[in-house]
N, C-alpha and C. Protein backbone atom coordinates (compact mmCIF):
# COMPACT_ATOMS: atom_id res chain seq x y z
N MET A 1 -57.60 -49.57 85.38
CA MET A 1 -57.30 -50.53 86.41
C MET A 1 -55.97 -50.18 87.06
N THR A 2 -55.87 -50.52 88.32
CA THR A 2 -54.62 -50.26 89.01
C THR A 2 -53.64 -51.39 88.73
N GLU A 3 -52.40 -51.13 89.03
CA GLU A 3 -51.36 -52.14 88.82
C GLU A 3 -51.63 -53.37 89.68
N PHE A 4 -52.11 -53.14 90.91
CA PHE A 4 -52.43 -54.25 91.81
C PHE A 4 -53.47 -55.17 91.19
N THR A 5 -54.52 -54.58 90.62
CA THR A 5 -55.58 -55.37 90.00
C THR A 5 -55.03 -56.16 88.83
N GLU A 6 -54.19 -55.55 88.05
CA GLU A 6 -53.61 -56.24 86.89
C GLU A 6 -52.76 -57.42 87.34
N ILE A 7 -51.99 -57.24 88.41
CA ILE A 7 -51.13 -58.33 88.91
C ILE A 7 -51.97 -59.47 89.46
N THR A 8 -53.01 -59.14 90.23
CA THR A 8 -53.82 -60.20 90.84
C THR A 8 -54.66 -60.96 89.83
N ARG A 9 -54.95 -60.41 88.69
CA ARG A 9 -55.76 -61.10 87.68
C ARG A 9 -54.92 -62.08 86.85
N ASN A 10 -53.63 -61.87 86.82
CA ASN A 10 -52.75 -62.72 86.03
C ASN A 10 -51.96 -63.63 86.97
N LYS A 11 -52.17 -64.93 86.83
CA LYS A 11 -51.58 -65.90 87.76
C LYS A 11 -50.06 -65.84 87.76
N SER A 12 -49.45 -65.78 86.60
CA SER A 12 -47.98 -65.78 86.54
C SER A 12 -47.40 -64.48 87.09
N ARG A 13 -48.06 -63.35 86.83
CA ARG A 13 -47.58 -62.07 87.39
C ARG A 13 -47.74 -62.05 88.91
N PHE A 14 -48.82 -62.67 89.40
CA PHE A 14 -49.04 -62.73 90.85
C PHE A 14 -47.95 -63.57 91.51
N ARG A 15 -47.64 -64.72 90.91
CA ARG A 15 -46.56 -65.57 91.45
C ARG A 15 -45.25 -64.81 91.44
N SER A 16 -44.98 -64.11 90.37
CA SER A 16 -43.73 -63.35 90.26
C SER A 16 -43.66 -62.26 91.32
N ALA A 17 -44.78 -61.59 91.58
CA ALA A 17 -44.81 -60.51 92.57
C ALA A 17 -44.62 -61.05 93.99
N CYS A 18 -45.11 -62.26 94.24
CA CYS A 18 -45.03 -62.86 95.59
C CYS A 18 -43.77 -63.70 95.78
N LYS A 19 -42.96 -63.85 94.77
CA LYS A 19 -41.80 -64.74 94.79
C LYS A 19 -40.83 -64.40 95.93
N GLY A 20 -40.60 -63.13 96.17
CA GLY A 20 -39.63 -62.71 97.18
C GLY A 20 -40.20 -62.65 98.59
N MET A 21 -41.46 -62.99 98.77
CA MET A 21 -42.09 -62.89 100.10
C MET A 21 -41.89 -64.17 100.89
N SER A 22 -41.80 -64.03 102.20
CA SER A 22 -41.66 -65.20 103.07
C SER A 22 -43.02 -65.83 103.29
N LEU A 23 -43.01 -67.04 103.84
CA LEU A 23 -44.25 -67.74 104.12
C LEU A 23 -45.09 -66.96 105.13
N LYS A 24 -44.44 -66.35 106.12
CA LYS A 24 -45.14 -65.56 107.13
C LYS A 24 -45.85 -64.36 106.49
N GLN A 25 -45.17 -63.69 105.58
CA GLN A 25 -45.76 -62.54 104.88
C GLN A 25 -46.95 -62.97 104.02
N LEU A 26 -46.80 -64.12 103.33
CA LEU A 26 -47.88 -64.61 102.49
C LEU A 26 -49.11 -64.98 103.32
N LYS A 27 -48.90 -65.63 104.49
CA LYS A 27 -50.02 -65.98 105.36
C LYS A 27 -50.70 -64.73 105.91
N SER A 28 -49.90 -63.72 106.27
CA SER A 28 -50.45 -62.45 106.75
C SER A 28 -51.30 -61.81 105.66
N MET A 29 -50.78 -61.82 104.44
CA MET A 29 -51.52 -61.24 103.31
C MET A 29 -52.82 -62.03 103.07
N ALA A 30 -52.76 -63.35 103.19
CA ALA A 30 -53.94 -64.19 102.99
C ALA A 30 -54.98 -63.90 104.07
N ASN A 31 -54.53 -63.68 105.32
CA ASN A 31 -55.46 -63.37 106.40
C ASN A 31 -56.15 -62.03 106.16
N HIS A 32 -55.38 -61.03 105.76
CA HIS A 32 -55.95 -59.72 105.46
C HIS A 32 -56.97 -59.83 104.33
N LEU A 33 -56.60 -60.60 103.31
CA LEU A 33 -57.49 -60.76 102.17
C LEU A 33 -58.77 -61.49 102.57
N SER A 34 -58.67 -62.52 103.40
CA SER A 34 -59.88 -63.25 103.81
C SER A 34 -60.78 -62.37 104.69
N GLU A 35 -60.18 -61.52 105.54
CA GLU A 35 -60.97 -60.59 106.33
C GLU A 35 -61.71 -59.60 105.42
N PHE A 36 -60.99 -59.12 104.43
CA PHE A 36 -61.59 -58.18 103.49
C PHE A 36 -62.73 -58.85 102.72
N ILE A 37 -62.53 -60.09 102.31
CA ILE A 37 -63.56 -60.82 101.57
C ILE A 37 -64.80 -61.02 102.44
N GLU A 38 -64.59 -61.34 103.71
CA GLU A 38 -65.70 -61.55 104.63
C GLU A 38 -66.51 -60.26 104.82
N LYS A 39 -65.81 -59.14 105.00
CA LYS A 39 -66.50 -57.85 105.15
C LYS A 39 -67.28 -57.50 103.90
N ARG A 40 -66.66 -57.72 102.75
CA ARG A 40 -67.32 -57.41 101.47
C ARG A 40 -68.57 -58.27 101.30
N ALA A 41 -68.50 -59.53 101.68
CA ALA A 41 -69.65 -60.42 101.57
C ALA A 41 -70.78 -59.92 102.46
N GLN A 42 -70.46 -59.47 103.67
CA GLN A 42 -71.48 -58.94 104.58
C GLN A 42 -72.12 -57.67 103.99
N GLU A 43 -71.29 -56.82 103.40
CA GLU A 43 -71.81 -55.59 102.79
C GLU A 43 -72.76 -55.92 101.64
N GLU A 44 -72.38 -56.90 100.81
CA GLU A 44 -73.22 -57.26 99.68
C GLU A 44 -74.55 -57.88 100.13
N VAL A 45 -74.51 -58.66 101.21
CA VAL A 45 -75.75 -59.22 101.75
C VAL A 45 -76.65 -58.09 102.24
N ALA A 46 -76.06 -57.10 102.93
CA ALA A 46 -76.84 -55.97 103.44
C ALA A 46 -77.44 -55.18 102.27
N LEU A 47 -76.66 -54.96 101.21
CA LEU A 47 -77.18 -54.24 100.04
C LEU A 47 -78.32 -55.01 99.38
N ALA A 48 -78.17 -56.33 99.29
CA ALA A 48 -79.23 -57.15 98.68
C ALA A 48 -80.50 -57.09 99.52
N GLU A 49 -80.36 -57.10 100.85
CA GLU A 49 -81.53 -57.00 101.72
C GLU A 49 -82.22 -55.65 101.56
N GLN A 50 -81.41 -54.57 101.46
CA GLN A 50 -81.99 -53.24 101.25
C GLN A 50 -82.74 -53.18 99.92
N ALA A 51 -82.13 -53.76 98.87
CA ALA A 51 -82.77 -53.73 97.56
C ALA A 51 -84.09 -54.52 97.59
N ALA A 52 -84.09 -55.67 98.29
CA ALA A 52 -85.31 -56.47 98.39
C ALA A 52 -86.40 -55.71 99.15
N LYS A 53 -86.01 -55.03 100.23
CA LYS A 53 -86.96 -54.25 101.02
C LYS A 53 -87.55 -53.10 100.19
N LYS A 54 -86.68 -52.44 99.43
CA LYS A 54 -87.12 -51.33 98.58
C LYS A 54 -88.09 -51.83 97.50
N HIS A 55 -87.75 -52.98 96.91
CA HIS A 55 -88.62 -53.56 95.88
C HIS A 55 -89.98 -53.91 96.46
N LYS A 56 -89.99 -54.48 97.67
CA LYS A 56 -91.24 -54.85 98.32
C LYS A 56 -92.09 -53.61 98.60
N GLU A 57 -91.45 -52.53 99.05
CA GLU A 57 -92.18 -51.29 99.32
C GLU A 57 -92.75 -50.70 98.03
N LYS A 58 -91.97 -50.77 96.96
CA LYS A 58 -92.45 -50.27 95.67
C LYS A 58 -93.69 -51.04 95.23
N GLN A 59 -93.63 -52.35 95.36
CA GLN A 59 -94.76 -53.18 94.95
C GLN A 59 -96.01 -52.86 95.78
N ALA A 60 -95.81 -52.61 97.07
CA ALA A 60 -96.95 -52.26 97.93
C ALA A 60 -97.58 -50.94 97.48
N ILE A 61 -96.75 -49.99 97.14
CA ILE A 61 -97.25 -48.68 96.68
C ILE A 61 -97.98 -48.83 95.35
N LEU A 62 -97.38 -49.59 94.42
CA LEU A 62 -98.03 -49.79 93.12
C LEU A 62 -99.37 -50.51 93.28
N THR A 63 -99.44 -51.46 94.20
CA THR A 63 -100.69 -52.16 94.45
C THR A 63 -101.74 -51.20 94.98
N SER A 64 -101.35 -50.32 95.90
CA SER A 64 -102.29 -49.33 96.45
C SER A 64 -102.78 -48.38 95.36
N ILE A 65 -101.87 -47.98 94.49
CA ILE A 65 -102.24 -47.09 93.38
C ILE A 65 -103.24 -47.78 92.47
N ALA A 66 -102.97 -49.05 92.15
CA ALA A 66 -103.87 -49.80 91.27
C ALA A 66 -105.25 -49.98 91.91
N LYS A 67 -105.29 -50.22 93.22
CA LYS A 67 -106.57 -50.38 93.92
C LYS A 67 -107.38 -49.10 93.86
N ALA A 68 -106.70 -47.96 93.85
CA ALA A 68 -107.38 -46.67 93.80
C ALA A 68 -107.83 -46.32 92.38
N GLY A 69 -107.47 -47.17 91.40
CA GLY A 69 -107.88 -46.93 90.03
C GLY A 69 -106.99 -45.93 89.31
N LEU A 70 -105.78 -45.77 89.79
CA LEU A 70 -104.84 -44.84 89.18
C LEU A 70 -103.69 -45.61 88.55
N THR A 71 -102.89 -44.88 87.79
CA THR A 71 -101.66 -45.45 87.23
C THR A 71 -100.50 -44.55 87.63
N PRO A 72 -99.28 -45.06 87.59
CA PRO A 72 -98.13 -44.21 87.91
C PRO A 72 -98.03 -42.99 87.00
N GLU A 73 -98.50 -43.13 85.76
CA GLU A 73 -98.45 -42.01 84.83
C GLU A 73 -99.31 -40.83 85.29
N ASP A 74 -100.33 -41.13 86.10
CA ASP A 74 -101.18 -40.06 86.63
C ASP A 74 -100.38 -39.12 87.54
N PHE A 75 -99.34 -39.65 88.14
CA PHE A 75 -98.52 -38.85 89.06
C PHE A 75 -97.34 -38.19 88.36
N PHE A 76 -96.87 -38.80 87.30
CA PHE A 76 -95.66 -38.32 86.67
C PHE A 76 -95.87 -38.01 85.19
N ALA A 77 -96.93 -37.35 84.87
CA ALA A 77 -97.21 -37.00 83.49
C ALA A 77 -96.18 -36.00 83.00
N THR A 78 -95.62 -36.28 81.82
CA THR A 78 -94.60 -35.40 81.26
C THR A 78 -95.13 -34.57 80.10
N ASP A 79 -96.35 -34.83 79.67
CA ASP A 79 -96.89 -34.12 78.51
C ASP A 79 -97.67 -32.86 78.89
N LEU A 80 -97.51 -32.41 80.11
CA LEU A 80 -98.19 -31.19 80.52
C LEU A 80 -97.56 -29.98 79.81
N PRO A 81 -98.38 -29.08 79.33
CA PRO A 81 -97.82 -27.91 78.65
C PRO A 81 -97.11 -27.00 79.65
N LYS A 82 -96.00 -26.45 79.21
CA LYS A 82 -95.30 -25.50 80.06
C LYS A 82 -96.02 -24.17 80.03
N ILE A 83 -96.16 -23.60 81.19
CA ILE A 83 -96.87 -22.33 81.29
C ILE A 83 -95.85 -21.20 81.16
N LYS A 84 -96.04 -20.41 80.13
CA LYS A 84 -95.16 -19.27 79.92
C LYS A 84 -95.84 -18.03 80.48
N LYS A 85 -95.07 -17.27 81.21
CA LYS A 85 -95.61 -16.03 81.74
C LYS A 85 -95.64 -15.00 80.61
N PRO A 86 -96.76 -14.33 80.45
CA PRO A 86 -96.81 -13.31 79.40
C PRO A 86 -95.90 -12.14 79.77
N ARG A 87 -95.14 -11.71 78.81
CA ARG A 87 -94.25 -10.58 79.06
C ARG A 87 -94.98 -9.27 78.78
N LYS A 88 -94.65 -8.29 79.59
CA LYS A 88 -95.24 -6.98 79.38
C LYS A 88 -94.51 -6.29 78.23
N PRO A 89 -95.23 -5.55 77.44
CA PRO A 89 -94.55 -4.84 76.36
C PRO A 89 -93.62 -3.77 76.93
N VAL A 90 -92.49 -3.60 76.27
CA VAL A 90 -91.50 -2.62 76.72
C VAL A 90 -91.75 -1.31 75.97
N ALA A 91 -91.76 -0.26 76.72
CA ALA A 91 -92.00 1.06 76.11
C ALA A 91 -90.80 1.45 75.25
N PRO A 92 -91.05 2.10 74.11
CA PRO A 92 -89.94 2.53 73.27
C PRO A 92 -89.11 3.63 73.95
N GLN A 93 -87.81 3.55 73.76
CA GLN A 93 -86.91 4.55 74.34
C GLN A 93 -86.31 5.48 73.28
N TYR A 94 -86.39 5.03 72.01
CA TYR A 94 -85.80 5.82 70.93
C TYR A 94 -86.83 6.02 69.82
N ARG A 95 -86.79 7.22 69.19
CA ARG A 95 -87.71 7.52 68.10
C ARG A 95 -86.97 8.36 67.07
N ILE A 96 -87.15 8.01 65.80
CA ILE A 96 -86.56 8.81 64.71
C ILE A 96 -87.58 8.92 63.58
N LYS A 97 -87.36 9.91 62.71
CA LYS A 97 -88.13 10.04 61.48
C LYS A 97 -87.16 9.82 60.34
N ASP A 98 -87.55 8.97 59.39
CA ASP A 98 -86.67 8.74 58.25
C ASP A 98 -86.92 9.77 57.16
N ALA A 99 -86.27 9.63 56.00
CA ALA A 99 -86.37 10.59 54.91
C ALA A 99 -87.79 10.68 54.34
N GLN A 100 -88.56 9.60 54.41
CA GLN A 100 -89.93 9.63 53.91
C GLN A 100 -90.91 10.18 54.94
N GLY A 101 -90.45 10.49 56.13
CA GLY A 101 -91.30 11.05 57.17
C GLY A 101 -91.96 10.00 58.06
N LEU A 102 -91.54 8.75 57.91
CA LEU A 102 -92.10 7.69 58.75
C LEU A 102 -91.42 7.68 60.12
N LYS A 103 -92.23 7.46 61.17
CA LYS A 103 -91.68 7.39 62.52
C LYS A 103 -91.29 5.94 62.82
N HIS A 104 -90.11 5.79 63.40
CA HIS A 104 -89.64 4.48 63.83
C HIS A 104 -89.34 4.55 65.32
N GLU A 105 -89.83 3.56 66.05
CA GLU A 105 -89.58 3.50 67.49
C GLU A 105 -88.87 2.19 67.83
N TRP A 106 -88.05 2.27 68.88
CA TRP A 106 -87.27 1.10 69.30
C TRP A 106 -87.11 1.13 70.81
N SER A 107 -87.24 -0.03 71.44
CA SER A 107 -87.13 -0.11 72.90
C SER A 107 -85.67 -0.11 73.37
N GLY A 108 -84.75 -0.36 72.48
CA GLY A 108 -83.35 -0.43 72.86
C GLY A 108 -82.92 -1.86 73.18
N ARG A 109 -83.85 -2.78 73.08
CA ARG A 109 -83.54 -4.18 73.34
C ARG A 109 -83.53 -4.96 72.04
N GLY A 110 -82.75 -6.02 72.03
CA GLY A 110 -82.70 -6.87 70.85
C GLY A 110 -81.86 -6.26 69.75
N ARG A 111 -82.02 -6.80 68.56
CA ARG A 111 -81.26 -6.31 67.41
C ARG A 111 -81.68 -4.89 67.05
N THR A 112 -80.72 -4.15 66.61
CA THR A 112 -80.99 -2.78 66.19
C THR A 112 -81.75 -2.81 64.86
N PRO A 113 -82.91 -2.13 64.77
CA PRO A 113 -83.66 -2.09 63.51
C PRO A 113 -82.86 -1.39 62.40
N LYS A 114 -83.15 -1.75 61.16
CA LYS A 114 -82.42 -1.22 60.00
C LYS A 114 -82.46 0.30 59.95
N ALA A 115 -83.62 0.89 60.24
CA ALA A 115 -83.74 2.34 60.18
C ALA A 115 -82.79 3.00 61.18
N PHE A 116 -82.67 2.42 62.38
CA PHE A 116 -81.78 2.97 63.40
C PHE A 116 -80.31 2.73 63.02
N GLU A 117 -80.02 1.57 62.42
CA GLU A 117 -78.65 1.29 61.98
C GLU A 117 -78.22 2.34 60.95
N LEU A 118 -79.09 2.62 60.01
CA LEU A 118 -78.80 3.62 58.98
C LEU A 118 -78.60 5.00 59.62
N TYR A 119 -79.43 5.32 60.58
CA TYR A 119 -79.32 6.60 61.28
C TYR A 119 -77.98 6.71 62.03
N PHE A 120 -77.61 5.63 62.74
CA PHE A 120 -76.35 5.64 63.50
C PHE A 120 -75.14 5.67 62.57
N ASN A 121 -75.22 4.99 61.42
CA ASN A 121 -74.11 4.98 60.45
C ASN A 121 -73.91 6.33 59.79
N ASN A 122 -74.97 7.13 59.72
CA ASN A 122 -74.88 8.47 59.11
C ASN A 122 -74.53 9.55 60.13
N GLY A 123 -74.06 9.15 61.28
CA GLY A 123 -73.58 10.12 62.26
C GLY A 123 -74.52 10.41 63.40
N GLY A 124 -75.69 9.80 63.43
CA GLY A 124 -76.62 10.02 64.53
C GLY A 124 -76.19 9.24 65.77
N SER A 125 -76.61 9.71 66.93
CA SER A 125 -76.27 9.02 68.17
C SER A 125 -77.55 8.57 68.87
N LYS A 126 -77.38 7.65 69.81
CA LYS A 126 -78.54 7.17 70.55
C LYS A 126 -79.15 8.29 71.40
N ASN A 127 -78.29 9.10 71.97
CA ASN A 127 -78.78 10.18 72.83
C ASN A 127 -79.60 11.20 72.06
N SER A 128 -79.29 11.41 70.78
CA SER A 128 -80.02 12.41 70.01
C SER A 128 -81.45 11.97 69.68
N CYS A 129 -81.72 10.66 69.71
CA CYS A 129 -83.07 10.19 69.37
C CYS A 129 -83.79 9.59 70.58
N ARG A 130 -83.25 9.80 71.77
CA ARG A 130 -83.89 9.28 72.99
C ARG A 130 -85.18 10.03 73.24
N ILE A 131 -86.22 9.31 73.64
CA ILE A 131 -87.52 9.93 73.90
C ILE A 131 -87.50 10.58 75.26
């Protein structure tokens, strides 16, 4: 809250703040405040009218939907399964043979396989096993 709001909410603080003001200044302040209150009241009436109009339009739409034998859930279903695009397999970019003679292939994506980690730790490089 602002200091102004705090002062205006407390009667004794408001009196204290206005103590040094002349009657002319107080009347001017009262006029400004009444103008502001009048404008705010007009704005609130306009907002209430807009809300009522919007509510009426909503009801008309819901009535039309019900007459057609539908429900709002028919339009806004959230339980639809998400469609995942199938990914194409990635061709291997690296190939090595381990000590047992088994071939290991790797696309270069994701975590490094154990066989390749062992190969790289023993001094092998990626370029040496590139396909």
